[in-house]
Amino acid sequence: MSPIRKSRRVVTRRDASKPPPDPRIWGRTYSGPSPWIFGLIMVVILGILSYLAFAKELPWSSPSYELHATFENATTLRATSPVRIAGVNVGEVTSVSRGEGDLVDVTFSVDEDGQPIHSDAELEIRPRLFLEGNFFLDVSPGSPSAPDLESGDTIPVTQTATAVQLDEVLTALQAPTRKGLQKALTGFGTALNYQPTARDDRTQDPIVRGETAGESLNDAFRYGEEAGRGTAIVSEALQGEHPGDLARFIASTRTVFAKLASREEDLGGLIDNFNTFAGALANESANLSDTIAELEPTLIKGRSSLASLSDSLPPLRALAIESRPGIQELPATIDAFEPWLVQTDALVQDDELGGIARLLTKAAPGLAETNAGAKQLFPQITALSRCTNQVLIPSADGTITTDAHWNTGQSNWHEFFYALVNTAGSGQGFDGNGPYLRIQPGGGPELVQVPNPTGTAADQINFTTTIEPFEGVQPVLGSAPPFRMDYACSKNPAPNLNGPASAPGPPDLVPSQ
């Protein structure tokens, strides 16, 4: 066994003049971790908090919504540049890389506060200071009616723009450019002060012949009052009816020009064709000059027409306003009219008006012939009516008064109907077997005779007997009056029923000797 060593504890003597050590302070009596570990931890924590305060995102996270945009020039933009919408930060640029050709592809993120971004969104690189330094990406999110962009979509170069740099402005005014500008201003001054020759004035309006361009321009200001008023009206009209109409028009125009820029080859062909067209106009300059000379009287005539049109517009506007309620009620009227159309369709079917129409089609030729025949019937009816009114009715209303013994004092038409009634009464039977005609063939003490017009030489007289001798005949029958088809009945006078021919005459039956 090894010997046991006893350790010895070395005890130092404490200076009695010094206070004892505080156990809360690290020292020989502290047995925990070293103080530099706590300091390192505090440095790391402060670094993380500082990063989060400036970056506002975790270092291992990536934006969930990123878009790409194509710029012609993005040298002033860098990664971590802010992305703003209406001046509010909504994201940052994550990368700037070279794209196709001379274009630049910019990738940027947009947080939830800036979403959604629409397909017609517009981007512009703008400086936070005047013309220089600290650039940011200004985003116009587009119209709500346009489709939303998905993460990873690209905004084309036609919808992006880059702010103008100060060096670009200064570069545009370099010595060659300044000389060209000086020449342009000199040429413009020469053009204003050039004194035209007789050849130059040949095709000009008489009121400006012999004047320089400046003098003619001064003359134009005298006539510019009405033109300025009209221009003001046109400018006000160009602003549109609602706020933002002009801005939307300009935006639409920019879209059109962007589409034209995307078809450069076709646009070049259009310019070539326009050049050809302009050359054709130049060849016809004389005729074009004559046409322009005739334009002034045309405009003078057109002014009166436009004035009349302007006067007619207020009533037309009032008509449109008054017609608006009726137009608004038109859909309801059409809806209410639809059942009537259904019933009308059923009405014109074959079992309704369709069949009647076919029957009328068949009856129409006969009706047409009837109408044609009526042209001949109506004159006859007219002649009959005149004859009835002028001859027959006066004769029927008359009274026979030539013989007081036979006169009844009644009109002739009364006498006619009285005779019919009496004849019907005399013909009635007493046994209920119906009427019959009673004839008195003869009989009585008086023997009479009458000539027999149809008898033979041996039988020229007819004999009979009567109860009483005949006194006479009224009227005396004679020869019939002439019947003429070429003489209208209405032109004949009414017959005189009380004339000599109506007096009683001798009887046809005379006493036999």
Protein backbone atom coordinates (compact mmCIF):
# COMPACT_ATOMS: atom_id res chain seq x y z
CA MET A 1 0.00 0.00 0.00
CA SER A 2 1.18 3.46 -0.88
CA PRO A 3 1.64 5.81 1.94
CA ILE A 4 -1.10 8.40 2.49
CA ARG A 5 -0.07 11.88 1.94
CA LYS A 6 -1.65 14.59 3.85
CA SER A 7 -2.14 17.80 1.90
CA ARG A 8 -1.22 20.95 3.49
CA ARG A 9 -3.32 24.06 3.07
CA VAL A 10 -1.34 27.21 2.77
CA VAL A 11 -2.99 30.00 4.64
CA THR A 12 -1.91 33.48 3.86
CA ARG A 13 -2.22 36.12 6.32
CA ARG A 14 -4.72 38.86 5.44
CA ASP A 15 -3.89 42.38 5.93
CA ALA A 16 -5.99 43.42 8.84
CA SER A 17 -6.14 47.02 7.59
CA LYS A 18 -8.16 46.07 4.41
CA PRO A 19 -11.91 45.15 4.40
CA PRO A 20 -12.86 41.57 3.66
CA PRO A 21 -13.74 40.81 -0.08
CA ASP A 22 -17.38 41.08 -1.17
CA PRO A 23 -18.66 37.64 -2.22
CA ARG A 24 -20.86 39.26 -4.97
CA ILE A 25 -17.73 40.40 -6.83
CA TRP A 26 -15.82 37.92 -8.95
CA GLY A 27 -12.68 37.06 -7.21
CA ARG A 28 -11.01 34.22 -5.58
CA THR A 29 -14.30 33.25 -4.00
CA TYR A 30 -16.32 33.16 -7.47
CA SER A 31 -16.46 29.77 -9.07
CA GLY A 32 -18.87 30.53 -12.16
CA PRO A 33 -18.12 31.14 -15.91
CA SER A 34 -15.55 33.61 -16.99
CA PRO A 35 -16.77 37.24 -17.45
CA TRP A 36 -15.62 37.47 -21.09
CA ILE A 37 -18.25 34.87 -22.05
CA PHE A 38 -21.03 37.17 -20.87
CA GLY A 39 -19.52 40.05 -22.78
CA LEU A 40 -19.41 38.00 -26.00
CA ILE A 41 -23.04 36.99 -25.61
CA MET A 42 -24.09 40.62 -25.13
CA VAL A 43 -22.18 41.67 -28.26
CA VAL A 44 -23.89 38.96 -30.33
CA ILE A 45 -27.33 39.96 -29.05
CA LEU A 46 -26.73 43.63 -29.81
CA GLY A 47 -25.52 42.73 -33.32
CA ILE A 48 -28.67 40.68 -34.01
CA LEU A 49 -30.94 43.44 -32.77
CA SER A 50 -29.12 46.04 -34.88
CA TYR A 51 -29.45 43.85 -38.00
CA LEU A 52 -33.15 43.30 -37.42
CA ALA A 53 -33.66 47.02 -36.82
CA PHE A 54 -32.11 47.94 -40.17
CA ALA A 55 -32.93 44.90 -42.34
CA LYS A 56 -36.40 44.28 -40.87
CA GLU A 57 -36.24 40.60 -41.82
CA LEU A 58 -34.54 37.41 -40.72
CA PRO A 59 -31.26 36.65 -42.52
CA TRP A 60 -32.30 33.12 -43.50
CA SER A 61 -35.71 34.17 -44.83
CA SER A 62 -36.49 35.23 -48.41
CA PRO A 63 -39.34 37.45 -49.69
CA SER A 64 -42.42 35.49 -50.63
CA TYR A 65 -43.56 37.90 -53.41
CA GLU A 66 -41.00 39.04 -55.96
CA LEU A 67 -41.39 40.64 -59.37
CA HIS A 68 -39.00 41.36 -62.21
CA ALA A 69 -38.82 44.59 -64.20
CA THR A 70 -36.87 45.41 -67.35
CA PHE A 71 -35.14 48.82 -67.62
CA GLU A 72 -33.13 50.42 -70.38
CA ASN A 73 -30.69 51.81 -67.79
CA ALA A 74 -30.52 50.97 -64.09
CA THR A 75 -26.94 51.98 -63.23
CA THR A 76 -28.22 54.26 -60.47
CA LEU A 77 -30.09 51.44 -58.75
CA ARG A 78 -28.53 48.86 -56.46
CA ALA A 79 -29.60 45.99 -54.24
CA THR A 80 -31.41 46.98 -51.00
CA SER A 81 -32.73 50.13 -52.64
CA PRO A 82 -36.22 50.77 -51.26
CA VAL A 83 -39.42 50.13 -53.21
CA ARG A 84 -42.13 52.69 -52.59
CA ILE A 85 -45.80 53.11 -53.43
CA ALA A 86 -47.13 56.65 -52.89
CA GLY A 87 -44.03 57.45 -50.81
CA VAL A 88 -44.42 54.46 -48.46
CA ASN A 89 -41.79 51.69 -48.33
CA VAL A 90 -43.36 48.39 -49.36
CA GLY A 91 -40.26 46.35 -50.26
CA GLU A 92 -36.72 46.53 -51.59
CA VAL A 93 -34.62 45.71 -54.63
CA THR A 94 -33.10 42.27 -54.18
CA SER A 95 -30.88 42.11 -57.26
CA VAL A 96 -29.83 44.01 -60.39
CA SER A 97 -28.55 41.90 -63.29
CA ARG A 98 -27.91 42.17 -67.03
CA GLY A 99 -30.85 41.10 -69.19
CA GLU A 100 -31.27 40.48 -72.89
CA GLY A 101 -29.32 42.83 -75.14
CA ASP A 102 -28.63 46.18 -73.49
CA LEU A 103 -31.51 45.87 -71.03
CA VAL A 104 -31.26 45.44 -67.26
CA ASP A 105 -33.34 43.04 -65.18
CA VAL A 106 -34.27 44.31 -61.70
CA THR A 107 -35.74 41.95 -59.11
CA PHE A 108 -37.64 43.48 -56.22
CA SER A 109 -39.93 42.32 -53.42
CA VAL A 110 -43.28 43.70 -52.32
CA ASP A 111 -44.78 42.97 -48.91
CA GLU A 112 -48.45 42.41 -48.20
CA ASP A 113 -49.13 46.12 -47.60
CA GLY A 114 -48.18 46.91 -51.21
CA GLN A 115 -50.06 44.06 -52.89
CA PRO A 116 -51.64 43.45 -55.33
CA ILE A 117 -49.59 44.69 -58.29
CA HIS A 118 -51.56 44.70 -61.58
CA SER A 119 -50.40 43.89 -65.09
CA ASP A 120 -50.51 47.56 -66.17
CA ALA A 121 -48.28 48.68 -63.28
CA GLU A 122 -45.62 51.32 -64.06
CA LEU A 123 -42.16 51.63 -62.47
CA GLU A 124 -39.74 54.55 -62.39
CA ILE A 125 -36.28 54.92 -60.85
CA ARG A 126 -36.39 58.20 -58.95
CA PRO A 127 -33.86 60.01 -56.71
CA ARG A 128 -34.50 60.73 -53.07
CA LEU A 129 -32.37 63.88 -53.46
CA PHE A 130 -32.59 66.45 -56.26
CA LEU A 131 -31.31 64.80 -59.47
CA GLU A 132 -28.61 62.78 -57.72
CA GLY A 133 -27.99 60.02 -55.14
CA ASN A 134 -30.05 57.61 -53.06
CA PHE A 135 -32.38 56.28 -55.74
CA PHE A 136 -35.49 54.24 -55.07
CA LEU A 137 -37.99 52.32 -57.17
CA ASP A 138 -41.33 54.17 -57.43
CA VAL A 139 -44.19 51.77 -58.23
CA SER A 140 -47.63 52.67 -59.58
CA PRO A 141 -49.63 49.48 -58.87
CA GLY A 142 -51.96 49.88 -61.88
CA SER A 143 -55.73 49.88 -62.31
CA PRO A 144 -57.93 47.48 -60.29
CA SER A 145 -59.59 46.23 -63.48
CA ALA A 146 -56.29 44.80 -64.81
CA PRO A 147 -55.21 41.24 -63.85
CA ASP A 148 -52.98 40.75 -60.81
CA LEU A 149 -49.32 39.81 -61.30
CA GLU A 150 -48.14 36.55 -59.78
CA SER A 151 -44.81 36.23 -57.96
CA GLY A 152 -42.05 35.89 -60.56
CA ASP A 153 -43.86 37.81 -63.34
CA THR A 154 -42.00 40.46 -65.34
CA ILE A 155 -43.01 44.05 -66.03
CA PRO A 156 -41.91 44.95 -69.60
CA VAL A 157 -39.60 47.82 -70.51
CA THR A 158 -42.55 49.74 -72.04
CA GLN A 159 -43.87 50.26 -68.50
CA THR A 160 -40.59 51.37 -66.87
CA ALA A 161 -38.66 54.64 -66.88
CA THR A 162 -35.40 56.04 -65.51
CA ALA A 163 -34.93 59.46 -63.94
CA VAL A 164 -32.79 61.98 -65.79
CA GLN A 165 -29.29 62.38 -64.38
CA LEU A 166 -27.45 65.66 -64.06
CA ASP A 167 -24.63 64.41 -66.27
CA GLU A 168 -27.15 63.56 -69.00
CA VAL A 169 -28.48 67.11 -68.90
CA LEU A 170 -24.95 68.52 -69.08
CA THR A 171 -23.96 66.10 -71.84
CA ALA A 172 -26.91 67.25 -73.96
CA LEU A 173 -25.47 70.78 -73.96
CA GLN A 174 -21.93 70.03 -75.14
CA ALA A 175 -20.13 72.18 -77.71
CA PRO A 176 -21.50 70.52 -80.89
CA THR A 177 -25.01 70.65 -79.51
CA ARG A 178 -24.63 74.29 -78.52
CA LYS A 179 -23.32 75.17 -81.98
CA GLY A 180 -26.26 73.34 -83.56
CA LEU A 181 -28.66 75.23 -81.29
CA GLN A 182 -27.00 78.53 -82.24
CA LYS A 183 -27.37 77.73 -85.91
CA ALA A 184 -31.00 76.77 -85.40
CA LEU A 185 -31.74 80.05 -83.61
CA THR A 186 -29.87 82.01 -86.30
CA GLY A 187 -31.83 80.26 -89.03
CA PHE A 188 -35.08 80.91 -87.17
CA GLY A 189 -34.23 84.62 -86.90
CA THR A 190 -33.35 84.76 -90.60
CA ALA A 191 -36.63 83.06 -91.47
CA LEU A 192 -38.56 85.66 -89.45
CA ASN A 193 -36.74 88.65 -91.05
CA TYR A 194 -36.44 87.32 -94.63
CA GLN A 195 -37.90 89.74 -97.18
CA PRO A 196 -39.84 87.67 -99.78
CA THR A 197 -39.38 88.20 -103.50
CA ALA A 198 -42.09 88.46 -106.14
CA ARG A 199 -41.60 84.79 -106.95
CA ASP A 200 -42.06 83.88 -103.29
CA ASP A 201 -45.26 85.92 -103.08
CA ARG A 202 -46.76 84.31 -106.17
CA THR A 203 -48.49 81.55 -104.23
CA GLN A 204 -49.18 83.57 -101.05
CA ASP A 205 -52.39 85.15 -99.88
CA PRO A 206 -52.74 88.78 -101.08
CA ILE A 207 -52.94 90.16 -97.52
CA VAL A 208 -49.46 88.83 -96.62
CA ARG A 209 -47.59 89.51 -99.85
CA GLY A 210 -44.47 91.63 -99.31
CA GLU A 211 -44.39 90.96 -95.56
CA THR A 212 -41.71 89.10 -93.65
CA ALA A 213 -42.55 86.05 -91.60
CA GLY A 214 -42.34 88.14 -88.41
CA GLU A 215 -44.76 90.73 -89.81
CA SER A 216 -47.15 88.01 -90.91
CA LEU A 217 -46.88 86.46 -87.47
CA ASN A 218 -47.76 89.81 -85.91
CA ASP A 219 -50.77 90.02 -88.24
CA ALA A 220 -51.81 86.58 -87.10
CA PHE A 221 -52.00 87.83 -83.51
CA ARG A 222 -54.70 90.28 -84.57
CA TYR A 223 -56.85 87.37 -85.63
CA GLY A 224 -55.75 85.21 -82.74
CA GLU A 225 -58.41 86.39 -80.29
CA GLU A 226 -61.19 84.22 -81.67
CA ALA A 227 -58.73 81.44 -82.39
CA GLY A 228 -57.44 81.64 -78.83
CA ARG A 229 -60.98 81.49 -77.50
CA GLY A 230 -61.68 78.45 -79.64
CA THR A 231 -58.37 76.89 -78.55
CA ALA A 232 -59.31 77.47 -74.91
CA ILE A 233 -62.64 75.75 -75.49
CA VAL A 234 -60.90 72.84 -77.20
CA SER A 235 -58.30 72.63 -74.40
CA GLU A 236 -61.03 72.59 -71.79
CA ALA A 237 -62.87 69.91 -73.74
CA LEU A 238 -59.66 67.85 -73.94
CA GLN A 239 -59.65 67.66 -70.14
CA GLY A 240 -62.67 65.39 -70.37
CA GLU A 241 -65.95 65.30 -68.54
CA HIS A 242 -64.63 63.73 -65.35
CA PRO A 243 -61.43 64.20 -63.31
CA GLY A 244 -58.60 62.08 -64.64
CA ASP A 245 -59.96 61.72 -68.20
CA LEU A 246 -56.97 63.54 -69.68
CA ALA A 247 -54.53 61.48 -67.62
CA ARG A 248 -56.18 58.28 -68.76
CA PHE A 249 -56.08 59.54 -72.35
CA ILE A 250 -52.35 60.27 -72.07
CA ALA A 251 -51.77 56.87 -70.48
CA SER A 252 -53.67 55.21 -73.29
CA THR A 253 -51.67 57.22 -75.83
CA ARG A 254 -48.47 56.06 -74.19
CA THR A 255 -49.70 52.48 -74.44
CA VAL A 256 -50.39 53.00 -78.15
CA PHE A 257 -46.91 54.42 -78.77
CA ALA A 258 -45.40 51.57 -76.76
CA LYS A 259 -47.19 49.12 -79.04
CA LEU A 260 -45.91 51.04 -82.05
CA ALA A 261 -42.37 50.92 -80.63
CA SER A 262 -42.66 47.15 -80.26
CA ARG A 263 -43.32 46.91 -84.02
CA GLU A 264 -40.32 48.86 -85.26
CA GLU A 265 -40.11 47.09 -88.63
CA ASP A 266 -43.76 47.69 -89.42
CA LEU A 267 -43.41 51.28 -88.22
CA GLY A 268 -40.44 51.74 -90.56
CA GLY A 269 -42.53 50.52 -93.46
CA LEU A 270 -45.28 52.93 -92.44
CA ILE A 271 -42.81 55.81 -92.46
CA ASP A 272 -41.55 54.77 -95.92
CA ASN A 273 -45.12 54.69 -97.23
CA PHE A 274 -45.76 58.08 -95.64
CA ASN A 275 -42.67 59.41 -97.36
CA THR A 276 -44.04 58.16 -100.67
CA PHE A 277 -47.37 59.76 -99.88
CA ALA A 278 -45.69 63.07 -99.01
CA GLY A 279 -43.77 62.90 -102.29
CA ALA A 280 -47.02 62.44 -104.19
CA LEU A 281 -48.44 65.49 -102.44
CA ALA A 282 -45.32 67.46 -103.35
CA ASN A 283 -45.82 66.56 -107.01
CA GLU A 284 -49.33 67.98 -106.77
CA SER A 285 -48.24 71.11 -104.91
CA ALA A 286 -49.95 73.45 -107.40
CA ASN A 287 -53.31 71.70 -107.04
CA LEU A 288 -52.82 71.50 -103.28
CA SER A 289 -52.11 75.24 -103.18
CA ASP A 290 -55.32 75.94 -105.12
CA THR A 291 -57.21 73.70 -102.72
CA ILE A 292 -55.82 75.54 -99.70
CA ALA A 293 -56.73 78.87 -101.35
CA GLU A 294 -60.34 77.65 -101.61
CA LEU A 295 -60.28 76.57 -97.99
CA GLU A 296 -60.88 80.10 -96.64
CA PRO A 297 -64.30 80.65 -98.30
CA THR A 298 -65.20 77.12 -97.32
CA LEU A 299 -64.40 77.91 -93.70
CA ILE A 300 -66.41 81.15 -93.92
CA LYS A 301 -69.42 79.22 -95.19
CA GLY A 302 -68.80 76.49 -92.65
CA ARG A 303 -68.80 79.01 -89.79
CA SER A 304 -72.45 79.93 -90.42
CA SER A 305 -73.33 76.24 -90.67
CA LEU A 306 -71.52 75.50 -87.43
CA ALA A 307 -73.30 78.45 -85.79
CA SER A 308 -76.64 76.98 -86.83
CA LEU A 309 -75.51 73.61 -85.55
CA SER A 310 -74.46 75.21 -82.26
CA ASP A 311 -77.90 76.82 -81.95
CA SER A 312 -79.56 73.46 -82.54
CA LEU A 313 -77.51 71.64 -79.92
CA PRO A 314 -79.27 73.10 -76.80
CA PRO A 315 -82.74 71.95 -77.96
CA LEU A 316 -81.21 68.63 -78.93
CA ARG A 317 -79.67 68.33 -75.47
CA ALA A 318 -83.03 69.22 -73.89
CA LEU A 319 -84.66 66.56 -76.07
CA ALA A 320 -82.08 64.03 -74.94
CA ILE A 321 -82.70 64.94 -71.28
CA GLU A 322 -86.45 64.67 -71.72
CA SER A 323 -86.06 61.37 -73.58
CA ARG A 324 -83.92 59.84 -70.84
CA PRO A 325 -86.89 58.73 -68.62
CA GLY A 326 -88.58 57.13 -71.61
CA ILE A 327 -85.38 55.35 -72.60
CA GLN A 328 -84.95 54.16 -69.02
CA GLU A 329 -88.47 52.75 -69.12
CA LEU A 330 -87.84 51.11 -72.50
CA PRO A 331 -86.50 47.78 -71.09
CA ALA A 332 -89.59 47.43 -68.87
CA THR A 333 -91.78 48.33 -71.83
CA ILE A 334 -90.10 45.66 -73.94
CA ASP A 335 -90.60 43.12 -71.16
CA ALA A 336 -94.27 44.07 -70.91
CA PHE A 337 -94.60 44.00 -74.70
CA GLU A 338 -93.24 40.45 -74.99
CA PRO A 339 -96.51 38.70 -73.86
CA TRP A 340 -98.41 40.77 -76.43
CA LEU A 341 -96.00 39.59 -79.13
CA VAL A 342 -96.60 35.99 -78.04
CA GLN A 343 -100.36 36.47 -78.29
CA THR A 344 -99.98 38.26 -81.62
CA ASP A 345 -97.91 35.35 -82.95
CA ALA A 346 -100.67 32.94 -81.90
CA LEU A 347 -103.29 35.24 -83.46
CA VAL A 348 -101.66 35.18 -86.90
CA GLN A 349 -101.48 31.36 -86.99
CA ASP A 350 -103.46 29.34 -89.55
CA ASP A 351 -106.35 28.66 -87.17
CA GLU A 352 -106.81 32.38 -86.46
CA LEU A 353 -106.01 35.38 -88.65
CA GLY A 354 -103.94 33.24 -90.99
CA GLY A 355 -107.03 31.32 -92.13
CA ILE A 356 -109.06 34.50 -92.35
CA ALA A 357 -106.34 36.04 -94.47
CA ARG A 358 -106.47 33.08 -96.88
CA LEU A 359 -110.28 33.39 -97.13
CA LEU A 360 -109.96 37.12 -97.76
CA THR A 361 -107.35 36.36 -100.43
CA LYS A 362 -109.87 34.14 -102.20
CA ALA A 363 -112.68 36.66 -101.69
CA ALA A 364 -110.65 39.63 -102.85
CA PRO A 365 -111.00 38.96 -106.62
CA GLY A 366 -114.79 38.69 -106.29
CA LEU A 367 -114.90 41.84 -104.19
CA ALA A 368 -112.79 43.60 -106.79
CA GLU A 369 -115.19 42.53 -109.53
CA THR A 370 -118.09 43.69 -107.35
CA ASN A 371 -116.47 47.06 -106.93
CA ALA A 372 -115.95 47.27 -110.67
CA GLY A 373 -119.59 46.31 -111.30
CA ALA A 374 -120.75 48.79 -108.68
CA LYS A 375 -119.61 51.57 -111.00
CA GLN A 376 -122.48 50.55 -113.31
CA LEU A 377 -124.93 49.64 -110.50
CA PHE A 378 -124.72 52.89 -108.55
CA PRO A 379 -125.78 55.11 -111.52
CA GLN A 380 -128.86 52.88 -111.98
CA ILE A 381 -129.64 53.07 -108.27
CA THR A 382 -129.25 56.84 -108.47
CA ALA A 383 -131.63 57.00 -111.46
CA LEU A 384 -134.13 54.75 -109.60
CA SER A 385 -133.91 56.95 -106.51
CA ARG A 386 -134.52 60.08 -108.54
CA CYS A 387 -137.45 58.43 -110.32
CA THR A 388 -138.89 57.30 -106.98
CA ASN A 389 -138.49 60.72 -105.35
CA GLN A 390 -139.63 62.83 -108.30
CA VAL A 391 -142.31 60.60 -109.94
CA LEU A 392 -143.40 57.55 -107.96
CA ILE A 393 -143.68 59.08 -104.47
CA PRO A 394 -145.62 62.20 -105.66
CA SER A 395 -147.99 59.86 -107.57
CA ALA A 396 -148.47 57.65 -104.50
CA ASP A 397 -149.11 60.65 -102.24
CA GLY A 398 -151.71 62.09 -104.61
CA THR A 399 -155.56 61.66 -104.26
CA ILE A 400 -158.06 60.92 -107.03
CA THR A 401 -160.95 63.48 -106.79
CA THR A 402 -162.53 63.38 -110.23
CA ASP A 403 -165.63 61.40 -109.15
CA ALA A 404 -167.29 62.25 -105.86
CA HIS A 405 -169.22 58.99 -105.93
CA TRP A 406 -166.11 56.81 -105.91
CA ASN A 407 -163.75 59.20 -104.09
CA THR A 408 -162.60 58.15 -100.57
CA GLY A 409 -160.37 61.10 -99.79
CA GLN A 410 -157.30 58.82 -99.16
CA SER A 411 -153.98 58.93 -100.92
CA ASN A 412 -153.30 56.46 -103.66
CA TRP A 413 -150.81 54.33 -101.65
CA HIS A 414 -153.43 54.05 -98.87
CA GLU A 415 -156.01 52.99 -101.43
CA PHE A 416 -153.59 50.35 -102.77
CA PHE A 417 -153.00 48.76 -99.38
CA TYR A 418 -156.75 49.05 -98.51
CA ALA A 419 -157.55 47.08 -101.68
CA LEU A 420 -155.00 44.40 -100.72
CA VAL A 421 -156.52 44.11 -97.26
CA ASN A 422 -160.06 43.96 -98.59
CA THR A 423 -159.09 41.36 -101.18
CA ALA A 424 -157.45 39.23 -98.47
CA GLY A 425 -160.53 39.61 -96.26
CA SER A 426 -162.89 38.67 -99.06
CA GLY A 427 -160.82 35.61 -99.84
CA GLN A 428 -161.01 34.14 -96.34
CA GLY A 429 -162.96 30.89 -96.02
CA PHE A 430 -165.45 30.23 -93.31
CA ASP A 431 -164.48 26.60 -92.79
CA GLY A 432 -160.80 27.23 -91.84
CA ASN A 433 -159.39 25.57 -94.97
CA GLY A 434 -157.53 28.68 -96.15
CA PRO A 435 -158.29 31.56 -98.49
CA TYR A 436 -159.84 31.13 -101.87
CA LEU A 437 -160.84 33.47 -104.67
CA ARG A 438 -164.56 34.23 -105.09
CA ILE A 439 -165.61 34.96 -108.69
CA GLN A 440 -168.99 36.06 -109.73
CA PRO A 441 -169.32 34.46 -113.18
CA GLY A 442 -172.63 36.09 -113.91
CA GLY A 443 -176.26 35.90 -113.23
CA GLY A 444 -179.02 38.41 -112.93
CA PRO A 445 -181.72 39.98 -115.04
CA GLU A 446 -179.49 42.26 -117.08
CA LEU A 447 -178.14 40.83 -120.36
CA VAL A 448 -174.95 42.57 -121.54
CA GLN A 449 -172.58 42.05 -124.43
CA VAL A 450 -168.92 42.87 -125.17
CA PRO A 451 -166.86 42.46 -128.34
CA ASN A 452 -164.76 39.33 -128.60
CA PRO A 453 -161.36 40.39 -130.00
CA THR A 454 -160.16 36.82 -130.39
CA GLY A 455 -163.33 35.40 -131.85
CA THR A 456 -164.06 34.18 -135.35
CA ALA A 457 -166.35 35.80 -137.86
CA ALA A 458 -169.26 33.86 -136.45
CA ASP A 459 -168.29 34.52 -132.82
CA GLN A 460 -167.48 38.22 -132.49
CA ILE A 461 -169.60 39.05 -129.47
CA ASN A 462 -169.61 37.63 -125.95
CA PHE A 463 -172.80 37.73 -123.86
CA THR A 464 -173.34 37.54 -120.07
CA THR A 465 -175.83 38.57 -117.43
CA THR A 466 -175.27 40.96 -114.51
CA ILE A 467 -177.28 41.86 -111.50
CA GLU A 468 -177.24 45.59 -112.34
CA PRO A 469 -176.40 47.48 -115.46
CA PHE A 470 -172.87 48.92 -115.75
CA GLU A 471 -172.58 52.71 -115.24
CA GLY A 472 -169.04 53.19 -116.57
CA VAL A 473 -165.35 52.42 -116.23
CA GLN A 474 -162.72 54.46 -114.35
CA PRO A 475 -160.15 55.00 -115.64
CA VAL A 476 -160.73 54.37 -119.24
CA LEU A 477 -158.01 52.09 -120.56
CA GLY A 478 -156.39 53.23 -123.74
CA SER A 479 -153.18 52.60 -125.54
CA ALA A 480 -150.02 52.28 -123.41
CA PRO A 481 -147.70 55.32 -123.34
CA PRO A 482 -144.44 55.02 -125.28
CA PHE A 483 -141.55 53.28 -123.43
CA ARG A 484 -138.19 54.88 -124.14
CA MET A 485 -134.92 53.51 -122.72
CA ASP A 486 -132.98 56.63 -123.71
CA TYR A 487 -135.10 58.98 -121.56
CA ALA A 488 -134.65 59.05 -117.78
CA CYS A 489 -137.71 58.38 -115.63
CA SER A 490 -136.84 61.28 -113.32
CA LYS A 491 -137.20 63.72 -116.24
CA ASN A 492 -140.87 62.73 -116.77
CA PRO A 493 -143.46 64.87 -114.98
CA ALA A 494 -145.56 63.25 -112.27
CA PRO A 495 -148.77 61.80 -113.83
CA ASN A 496 -151.92 63.83 -113.33
CA LEU A 497 -154.29 61.25 -111.81
CA ASN A 498 -157.15 63.77 -111.86
CA GLY A 499 -156.82 64.67 -115.52
CA PRO A 500 -159.32 63.99 -118.32
CA ALA A 501 -158.14 60.42 -118.71
CA SER A 502 -159.14 59.65 -115.11
CA ALA A 503 -162.81 60.59 -115.56
CA PRO A 504 -165.38 57.73 -115.71
CA GLY A 505 -165.93 56.48 -119.24
CA PRO A 506 -168.60 54.32 -120.87
CA PRO A 507 -168.68 50.71 -119.79
CA ASP A 508 -167.16 47.96 -121.86
CA LEU A 509 -170.26 45.85 -121.25
CA VAL A 510 -173.32 47.38 -122.97
CA PRO A 511 -176.95 46.18 -122.73
CA SER A 512 -177.85 43.60 -125.30
CA GLN A 513 -180.59 44.55 -127.77
